[in-house]
Amino acid sequence: MKIEIDFNDSEKSGIKKAFLFDVAKKTLAHQNFQYLKNKNISLSFATVPEGEIVKMNAIYRRKKTATDVLSFCEYKNQKEIEEAVDKNIYLGEIIVCYTYIVKYAKAEKKNAKQELAEIISHGVLHLLGLRHSQKMFKIQKEVSNNF
């Protein structure tokens, strides 16, 4: 599987594109996603300040609060991705608020890098059509434990 990542760090977070790539690769390479093995995958990442994520969360989720991640999927569900004939697949865009993630990690006495990895993996899993479930949380935890 080939992975291409576009990254817009408007929050000036200092997140390295290589880190995003590693988290995405580990998530996409998970055994449950073998149908991606022969595909060329592309996805976009962006960071935004807390004020911007509040606005976006209000628009797209009708919640007037900050959040750590928003995922904008190109496909309706996992089955649609599996049935995609094209070898090149754009999964969608993941938008994170790095300052929110760091504040949360500090408040919960968690490692910020691991928390960021878990949030990015979470976003990638949403792009793959997964909904919140034990399976999803298990995968993102397994991925983040590598960081």
N, C-alpha and C. Protein backbone atom coordinates (compact mmCIF):
# COMPACT_ATOMS: atom_id res chain seq x y z
N MET A 1 0.84 -1.17 0.00
CA MET A 1 0.00 0.00 0.00
C MET A 1 0.89 1.24 0.00
N LYS A 2 0.54 2.15 -0.89
CA LYS A 2 1.25 3.43 -0.94
C LYS A 2 0.36 4.47 -0.27
N ILE A 3 0.98 5.32 0.55
CA ILE A 3 0.23 6.34 1.27
C ILE A 3 0.80 7.72 0.95
N GLU A 4 -0.08 8.63 0.63
CA GLU A 4 0.32 10.02 0.37
C GLU A 4 -0.45 10.93 1.32
N ILE A 5 0.27 11.85 1.94
CA ILE A 5 -0.35 12.73 2.92
C ILE A 5 -0.12 14.19 2.54
N ASP A 6 -1.20 14.95 2.59
CA ASP A 6 -1.13 16.40 2.43
C ASP A 6 -1.33 16.99 3.82
N PHE A 7 -0.50 17.95 4.22
CA PHE A 7 -0.56 18.48 5.58
C PHE A 7 -0.52 20.00 5.58
N ASN A 8 -1.54 20.60 6.18
CA ASN A 8 -1.62 22.05 6.34
C ASN A 8 -1.60 22.35 7.84
N ASP A 9 -0.47 22.82 8.33
CA ASP A 9 -0.30 23.08 9.76
C ASP A 9 -0.57 24.55 10.07
N SER A 10 -1.81 24.99 9.90
CA SER A 10 -2.14 26.40 10.12
C SER A 10 -2.04 26.79 11.59
N GLU A 11 -2.06 25.82 12.48
CA GLU A 11 -1.92 26.10 13.92
C GLU A 11 -0.45 26.27 14.31
N LYS A 12 0.45 25.97 13.37
CA LYS A 12 1.90 26.02 13.65
C LYS A 12 2.23 25.16 14.86
N SER A 13 1.72 23.93 14.82
CA SER A 13 1.82 23.00 15.95
C SER A 13 3.21 22.39 16.12
N GLY A 14 3.93 22.29 15.03
CA GLY A 14 5.21 21.60 15.09
C GLY A 14 5.08 20.10 14.86
N ILE A 15 3.86 19.64 14.59
CA ILE A 15 3.67 18.22 14.27
C ILE A 15 4.43 17.94 12.98
N LYS A 16 5.17 16.87 12.96
CA LYS A 16 5.94 16.49 11.78
C LYS A 16 5.08 15.63 10.85
N LYS A 17 5.22 15.90 9.57
CA LYS A 17 4.49 15.12 8.57
C LYS A 17 4.85 13.64 8.67
N ALA A 18 6.10 13.34 9.00
CA ALA A 18 6.55 11.95 9.15
C ALA A 18 5.79 11.25 10.28
N PHE A 19 5.47 11.98 11.34
CA PHE A 19 4.70 11.42 12.45
C PHE A 19 3.29 11.06 11.97
N LEU A 20 2.65 11.98 11.25
CA LEU A 20 1.32 11.72 10.70
C LEU A 20 1.34 10.50 9.80
N PHE A 21 2.38 10.44 8.96
CA PHE A 21 2.53 9.32 8.04
C PHE A 21 2.64 8.00 8.82
N ASP A 22 3.48 7.98 9.85
CA ASP A 22 3.67 6.76 10.63
C ASP A 22 2.38 6.30 11.30
N VAL A 23 1.65 7.23 11.89
CA VAL A 23 0.39 6.88 12.55
C VAL A 23 -0.62 6.38 11.52
N ALA A 24 -0.75 7.09 10.41
CA ALA A 24 -1.69 6.68 9.36
C ALA A 24 -1.32 5.31 8.81
N LYS A 25 -0.03 5.09 8.56
CA LYS A 25 0.43 3.82 8.01
C LYS A 25 0.12 2.67 8.96
N LYS A 26 0.40 2.84 10.24
CA LYS A 26 0.13 1.78 11.22
C LYS A 26 -1.37 1.51 11.32
N THR A 27 -2.16 2.55 11.24
CA THR A 27 -3.62 2.38 11.31
C THR A 27 -4.14 1.67 10.06
N LEU A 28 -3.72 2.14 8.89
CA LEU A 28 -4.19 1.56 7.63
C LEU A 28 -3.68 0.14 7.41
N ALA A 29 -2.52 -0.18 7.98
CA ALA A 29 -1.94 -1.52 7.80
C ALA A 29 -2.54 -2.54 8.76
N HIS A 30 -3.44 -2.11 9.62
CA HIS A 30 -4.04 -3.02 10.59
C HIS A 30 -4.69 -4.19 9.86
N GLN A 31 -4.67 -5.33 10.48
CA GLN A 31 -5.15 -6.57 9.84
C GLN A 31 -6.59 -6.49 9.35
N ASN A 32 -7.41 -5.64 9.94
CA ASN A 32 -8.81 -5.55 9.52
C ASN A 32 -9.00 -4.82 8.19
N PHE A 33 -7.94 -4.25 7.65
CA PHE A 33 -8.06 -3.44 6.43
C PHE A 33 -7.22 -3.99 5.29
N GLN A 34 -7.18 -5.29 5.14
CA GLN A 34 -6.40 -5.93 4.10
C GLN A 34 -6.85 -5.52 2.70
N TYR A 35 -8.09 -5.10 2.55
CA TYR A 35 -8.60 -4.68 1.25
C TYR A 35 -7.87 -3.43 0.72
N LEU A 36 -7.11 -2.77 1.57
CA LEU A 36 -6.35 -1.58 1.15
C LEU A 36 -4.96 -1.93 0.63
N LYS A 37 -4.57 -3.19 0.79
CA LYS A 37 -3.20 -3.62 0.51
C LYS A 37 -2.68 -3.19 -0.85
N ASN A 38 -3.48 -3.28 -1.89
CA ASN A 38 -3.02 -2.96 -3.25
C ASN A 38 -3.50 -1.59 -3.73
N LYS A 39 -3.85 -0.73 -2.80
CA LYS A 39 -4.37 0.59 -3.16
C LYS A 39 -3.33 1.68 -2.90
N ASN A 40 -3.49 2.79 -3.60
CA ASN A 40 -2.72 4.01 -3.34
C ASN A 40 -3.65 4.93 -2.55
N ILE A 41 -3.32 5.12 -1.30
CA ILE A 41 -4.18 5.87 -0.39
C ILE A 41 -3.67 7.30 -0.23
N SER A 42 -4.57 8.25 -0.29
CA SER A 42 -4.19 9.63 0.03
C SER A 42 -5.21 10.19 1.02
N LEU A 43 -4.70 11.04 1.90
CA LEU A 43 -5.55 11.70 2.87
C LEU A 43 -4.92 13.02 3.25
N SER A 44 -5.75 13.91 3.77
CA SER A 44 -5.30 15.24 4.14
C SER A 44 -5.41 15.43 5.65
N PHE A 45 -4.43 16.15 6.19
CA PHE A 45 -4.44 16.53 7.60
C PHE A 45 -4.33 18.04 7.68
N ALA A 46 -4.99 18.61 8.67
CA ALA A 46 -4.84 20.04 8.94
C ALA A 46 -4.93 20.27 10.44
N THR A 47 -4.20 21.26 10.90
CA THR A 47 -4.35 21.71 12.28
C THR A 47 -5.01 23.08 12.25
N VAL A 48 -5.85 23.32 13.23
CA VAL A 48 -6.50 24.62 13.34
C VAL A 48 -6.49 25.05 14.80
N PRO A 49 -6.51 26.37 15.05
CA PRO A 49 -6.57 26.86 16.43
C PRO A 49 -7.91 26.52 17.08
N GLU A 50 -7.94 26.64 18.39
CA GLU A 50 -9.14 26.25 19.14
C GLU A 50 -10.39 27.02 18.71
N GLY A 51 -10.26 28.32 18.46
CA GLY A 51 -11.41 29.10 18.01
C GLY A 51 -12.00 28.59 16.71
N GLU A 52 -11.13 28.16 15.82
CA GLU A 52 -11.58 27.64 14.52
C GLU A 52 -12.27 26.28 14.68
N ILE A 53 -11.73 25.42 15.54
CA ILE A 53 -12.35 24.09 15.72
C ILE A 53 -13.71 24.23 16.39
N VAL A 54 -13.88 25.25 17.25
CA VAL A 54 -15.18 25.50 17.88
C VAL A 54 -16.20 25.85 16.79
N LYS A 55 -15.82 26.75 15.87
CA LYS A 55 -16.71 27.14 14.77
C LYS A 55 -17.07 25.94 13.90
N MET A 56 -16.06 25.15 13.55
CA MET A 56 -16.29 23.98 12.69
C MET A 56 -17.17 22.95 13.39
N ASN A 57 -16.93 22.73 14.67
CA ASN A 57 -17.72 21.77 15.43
C ASN A 57 -19.18 22.22 15.51
N ALA A 58 -19.40 23.53 15.64
CA ALA A 58 -20.77 24.08 15.67
C ALA A 58 -21.47 23.87 14.33
N ILE A 59 -20.74 24.08 13.25
CA ILE A 59 -21.32 23.93 11.91
C ILE A 59 -21.61 22.46 11.59
N TYR A 60 -20.63 21.59 11.79
CA TYR A 60 -20.75 20.21 11.31
C TYR A 60 -21.33 19.23 12.31
N ARG A 61 -21.25 19.54 13.61
CA ARG A 61 -21.78 18.62 14.62
C ARG A 61 -22.80 19.28 15.54
N ARG A 62 -23.05 20.56 15.30
CA ARG A 62 -24.00 21.33 16.11
C ARG A 62 -23.64 21.32 17.59
N LYS A 63 -22.33 21.34 17.87
CA LYS A 63 -21.82 21.41 19.24
C LYS A 63 -20.93 22.63 19.34
N LYS A 64 -21.29 23.54 20.22
CA LYS A 64 -20.55 24.81 20.33
C LYS A 64 -19.43 24.71 21.35
N THR A 65 -18.60 23.70 21.18
CA THR A 65 -17.45 23.48 22.06
C THR A 65 -16.24 23.07 21.22
N ALA A 66 -15.09 23.17 21.84
CA ALA A 66 -13.87 22.69 21.16
C ALA A 66 -13.91 21.17 21.12
N THR A 67 -13.16 20.61 20.20
CA THR A 67 -13.01 19.16 20.10
C THR A 67 -11.59 18.89 19.63
N ASP A 68 -11.18 17.64 19.76
CA ASP A 68 -9.81 17.29 19.37
C ASP A 68 -9.67 17.02 17.89
N VAL A 69 -10.68 16.40 17.29
CA VAL A 69 -10.56 15.97 15.89
C VAL A 69 -11.91 16.01 15.19
N LEU A 70 -11.87 16.37 13.92
CA LEU A 70 -13.02 16.26 13.03
C LEU A 70 -12.55 15.51 11.79
N SER A 71 -13.36 14.58 11.33
CA SER A 71 -13.02 13.79 10.15
C SER A 71 -14.08 14.01 9.08
N PHE A 72 -13.62 14.26 7.87
CA PHE A 72 -14.52 14.48 6.74
C PHE A 72 -14.26 13.39 5.71
N CYS A 73 -15.16 12.43 5.67
CA CYS A 73 -14.98 11.21 4.87
C CYS A 73 -15.37 11.44 3.41
N GLU A 74 -14.63 10.81 2.54
CA GLU A 74 -14.94 10.84 1.12
C GLU A 74 -15.95 9.74 0.77
N TYR A 75 -15.93 8.67 1.55
CA TYR A 75 -16.82 7.52 1.31
C TYR A 75 -17.85 7.42 2.42
N LYS A 76 -19.02 6.87 2.08
CA LYS A 76 -20.11 6.74 3.06
C LYS A 76 -19.81 5.71 4.13
N ASN A 77 -19.16 4.61 3.73
CA ASN A 77 -18.90 3.53 4.68
C ASN A 77 -17.75 2.65 4.19
N GLN A 78 -17.40 1.70 5.02
CA GLN A 78 -16.28 0.81 4.72
C GLN A 78 -16.55 -0.04 3.47
N LYS A 79 -17.77 -0.47 3.31
CA LYS A 79 -18.12 -1.30 2.15
C LYS A 79 -17.87 -0.55 0.84
N GLU A 80 -18.21 0.72 0.82
CA GLU A 80 -18.00 1.54 -0.37
C GLU A 80 -16.51 1.62 -0.72
N ILE A 81 -15.66 1.71 0.29
CA ILE A 81 -14.21 1.74 0.07
C ILE A 81 -13.74 0.39 -0.47
N GLU A 82 -14.22 -0.68 0.16
CA GLU A 82 -13.84 -2.04 -0.26
C GLU A 82 -14.20 -2.29 -1.72
N GLU A 83 -15.33 -1.75 -2.16
CA GLU A 83 -15.82 -1.99 -3.52
C GLU A 83 -15.27 -0.99 -4.54
N ALA A 84 -14.50 -0.03 -4.10
CA ALA A 84 -13.93 0.96 -5.02
C ALA A 84 -13.03 0.27 -6.04
N VAL A 85 -13.29 0.52 -7.30
CA VAL A 85 -12.54 -0.12 -8.38
C VAL A 85 -11.21 0.58 -8.61
N ASP A 86 -11.22 1.87 -8.45
CA ASP A 86 -10.01 2.67 -8.68
C ASP A 86 -8.91 2.28 -7.69
N LYS A 87 -7.71 2.19 -8.20
CA LYS A 87 -6.56 1.85 -7.35
C LYS A 87 -6.16 3.02 -6.46
N ASN A 88 -6.47 4.24 -6.90
CA ASN A 88 -6.16 5.45 -6.13
C ASN A 88 -7.38 5.86 -5.32
N ILE A 89 -7.21 5.93 -4.02
CA ILE A 89 -8.32 6.25 -3.13
C ILE A 89 -7.98 7.44 -2.25
N TYR A 90 -8.81 8.48 -2.34
CA TYR A 90 -8.70 9.61 -1.41
C TYR A 90 -9.71 9.36 -0.31
N LEU A 91 -9.24 9.20 0.93
CA LEU A 91 -10.13 8.87 2.04
C LEU A 91 -10.85 10.08 2.63
N GLY A 92 -10.20 11.25 2.62
CA GLY A 92 -10.83 12.43 3.18
C GLY A 92 -9.84 13.27 3.96
N GLU A 93 -10.38 14.12 4.85
CA GLU A 93 -9.54 15.05 5.60
C GLU A 93 -9.77 14.92 7.09
N ILE A 94 -8.67 15.01 7.83
CA ILE A 94 -8.70 14.99 9.29
C ILE A 94 -8.21 16.35 9.77
N ILE A 95 -9.01 16.97 10.62
CA ILE A 95 -8.65 18.27 11.17
C ILE A 95 -8.50 18.11 12.68
N VAL A 96 -7.34 18.50 13.19
CA VAL A 96 -7.10 18.39 14.63
C VAL A 96 -6.79 19.76 15.23
N CYS A 97 -7.10 19.87 16.50
CA CYS A 97 -6.73 21.06 17.27
C CYS A 97 -5.65 20.61 18.24
N TYR A 98 -4.41 20.88 17.87
CA TYR A 98 -3.26 20.42 18.64
C TYR A 98 -3.26 20.99 20.06
N THR A 99 -3.58 22.27 20.20
CA THR A 99 -3.57 22.86 21.55
C THR A 99 -4.60 22.20 22.46
N TYR A 100 -5.74 21.84 21.90
CA TYR A 100 -6.78 21.15 22.68
C TYR A 100 -6.28 19.77 23.12
N ILE A 101 -5.62 19.06 22.21
CA ILE A 101 -5.10 17.73 22.51
C ILE A 101 -4.04 17.80 23.61
N VAL A 102 -3.15 18.76 23.50
CA VAL A 102 -2.08 18.91 24.50
C VAL A 102 -2.67 19.27 25.87
N LYS A 103 -3.66 20.18 25.90
CA LYS A 103 -4.31 20.55 27.17
C LYS A 103 -4.99 19.34 27.80
N TYR A 104 -5.68 18.57 26.96
CA TYR A 104 -6.37 17.37 27.46
C TYR A 104 -5.37 16.36 28.02
N ALA A 105 -4.31 16.12 27.28
CA ALA A 105 -3.29 15.16 27.73
C ALA A 105 -2.69 15.60 29.07
N LYS A 106 -2.42 16.88 29.20
CA LYS A 106 -1.84 17.39 30.45
C LYS A 106 -2.83 17.22 31.61
N ALA A 107 -4.08 17.57 31.38
CA ALA A 107 -5.11 17.45 32.42
C ALA A 107 -5.31 16.00 32.86
N GLU A 108 -5.17 15.08 31.92
CA GLU A 108 -5.37 13.65 32.21
C GLU A 108 -4.07 12.94 32.56
N LYS A 109 -2.99 13.72 32.63
CA LYS A 109 -1.65 13.18 32.92
C LYS A 109 -1.26 12.05 31.95
N LYS A 110 -1.52 12.33 30.67
CA LYS A 110 -1.18 11.39 29.59
C LYS A 110 0.00 11.94 28.81
N ASN A 111 0.67 11.06 28.10
CA ASN A 111 1.75 11.44 27.20
C ASN A 111 1.12 12.13 25.98
N ALA A 112 1.50 13.38 25.71
CA ALA A 112 0.89 14.16 24.63
C ALA A 112 1.11 13.52 23.26
N LYS A 113 2.29 12.96 23.04
CA LYS A 113 2.58 12.34 21.74
C LYS A 113 1.70 11.11 21.52
N GLN A 114 1.53 10.30 22.56
CA GLN A 114 0.66 9.13 22.45
C GLN A 114 -0.79 9.55 22.26
N GLU A 115 -1.20 10.58 22.96
CA GLU A 115 -2.57 11.07 22.82
C GLU A 115 -2.81 11.57 21.40
N LEU A 116 -1.85 12.31 20.86
CA LEU A 116 -1.95 12.79 19.49
C LEU A 116 -2.04 11.61 18.51
N ALA A 117 -1.21 10.60 18.72
CA ALA A 117 -1.24 9.41 17.86
C ALA A 117 -2.61 8.73 17.93
N GLU A 118 -3.16 8.64 19.13
CA GLU A 118 -4.47 8.00 19.28
C GLU A 118 -5.56 8.80 18.57
N ILE A 119 -5.49 10.12 18.67
CA ILE A 119 -6.49 10.98 18.03
C ILE A 119 -6.37 10.91 16.50
N ILE A 120 -5.16 10.90 15.99
CA ILE A 120 -4.96 10.80 14.54
C ILE A 120 -5.45 9.45 14.04
N SER A 121 -5.10 8.39 14.75
CA SER A 121 -5.58 7.06 14.38
C SER A 121 -7.11 7.02 14.40
N HIS A 122 -7.70 7.64 15.41
CA HIS A 122 -9.16 7.72 15.53
C HIS A 122 -9.75 8.39 14.28
N GLY A 123 -9.15 9.49 13.85
CA GLY A 123 -9.62 10.18 12.66
C GLY A 123 -9.49 9.33 11.41
N VAL A 124 -8.38 8.62 11.27
CA VAL A 124 -8.18 7.74 10.11
C VAL A 124 -9.25 6.64 10.12
N LEU A 125 -9.53 6.08 11.27
CA LEU A 125 -10.55 5.03 11.36
C LEU A 125 -11.92 5.55 10.96
N HIS A 126 -12.23 6.79 11.32
CA HIS A 126 -13.49 7.38 10.86
C HIS A 126 -13.50 7.50 9.34
N LEU A 127 -12.37 7.89 8.74
CA LEU A 127 -12.30 7.99 7.28
C LEU A 127 -12.53 6.64 6.62
N LEU A 128 -12.21 5.57 7.33
CA LEU A 128 -12.43 4.21 6.82
C LEU A 128 -13.86 3.73 7.06
N GLY A 129 -14.69 4.59 7.63
CA GLY A 129 -16.09 4.25 7.83
C GLY A 129 -16.43 3.65 9.17
N LEU A 130 -15.47 3.58 10.08
CA LEU A 130 -15.77 3.02 11.39
C LEU A 130 -16.48 4.04 12.27
N ARG A 131 -17.36 3.54 13.08
CA ARG A 131 -18.06 4.34 14.08
C ARG A 131 -17.48 3.99 15.44
N HIS A 132 -17.80 4.77 16.44
CA HIS A 132 -17.30 4.50 17.78
C HIS A 132 -17.74 3.10 18.22
N SER A 133 -16.77 2.29 18.57
CA SER A 133 -17.03 0.92 19.00
C SER A 133 -15.80 0.41 19.73
N GLN A 134 -15.96 -0.71 20.42
CA GLN A 134 -14.82 -1.32 21.11
C GLN A 134 -13.72 -1.67 20.11
N LYS A 135 -14.12 -2.16 18.93
CA LYS A 135 -13.16 -2.52 17.89
C LYS A 135 -12.33 -1.29 17.49
N MET A 136 -13.00 -0.18 17.26
CA MET A 136 -12.32 1.05 16.86
C MET A 136 -11.36 1.52 17.94
N PHE A 137 -11.84 1.56 19.18
CA PHE A 137 -11.01 2.04 20.29
C PHE A 137 -9.81 1.13 20.52
N LYS A 138 -10.00 -0.17 20.31
CA LYS A 138 -8.90 -1.13 20.48
C LYS A 138 -7.81 -0.87 19.44
N ILE A 139 -8.20 -0.67 18.19
CA ILE A 139 -7.23 -0.42 17.11
C ILE A 139 -6.45 0.86 17.39
N GLN A 140 -7.15 1.95 17.70
CA GLN A 140 -6.44 3.22 17.92
C GLN A 140 -5.52 3.15 19.13
N LYS A 141 -5.89 2.39 20.15
CA LYS A 141 -5.03 2.23 21.32
C LYS A 141 -3.79 1.42 20.95
N GLU A 142 -3.98 0.35 20.16
CA GLU A 142 -2.83 -0.47 19.71
C GLU A 142 -1.86 0.38 18.90
N VAL A 143 -2.39 1.20 18.02
CA VAL A 143 -1.55 2.06 17.19
C VAL A 143 -0.81 3.07 18.06
N SER A 144 -1.51 3.73 18.96
CA SER A 144 -0.88 4.78 19.78
C SER A 144 0.16 4.23 20.74
N ASN A 145 0.04 2.98 21.12
CA ASN A 145 1.04 2.38 22.02
C ASN A 145 2.41 2.26 21.36
N ASN A 146 2.48 2.44 20.05
CA ASN A 146 3.76 2.41 19.33
C ASN A 146 4.51 3.75 19.40
N PHE A 147 3.92 4.75 20.04
CA PHE A 147 4.52 6.09 20.03
C PHE A 147 4.84 6.60 21.41
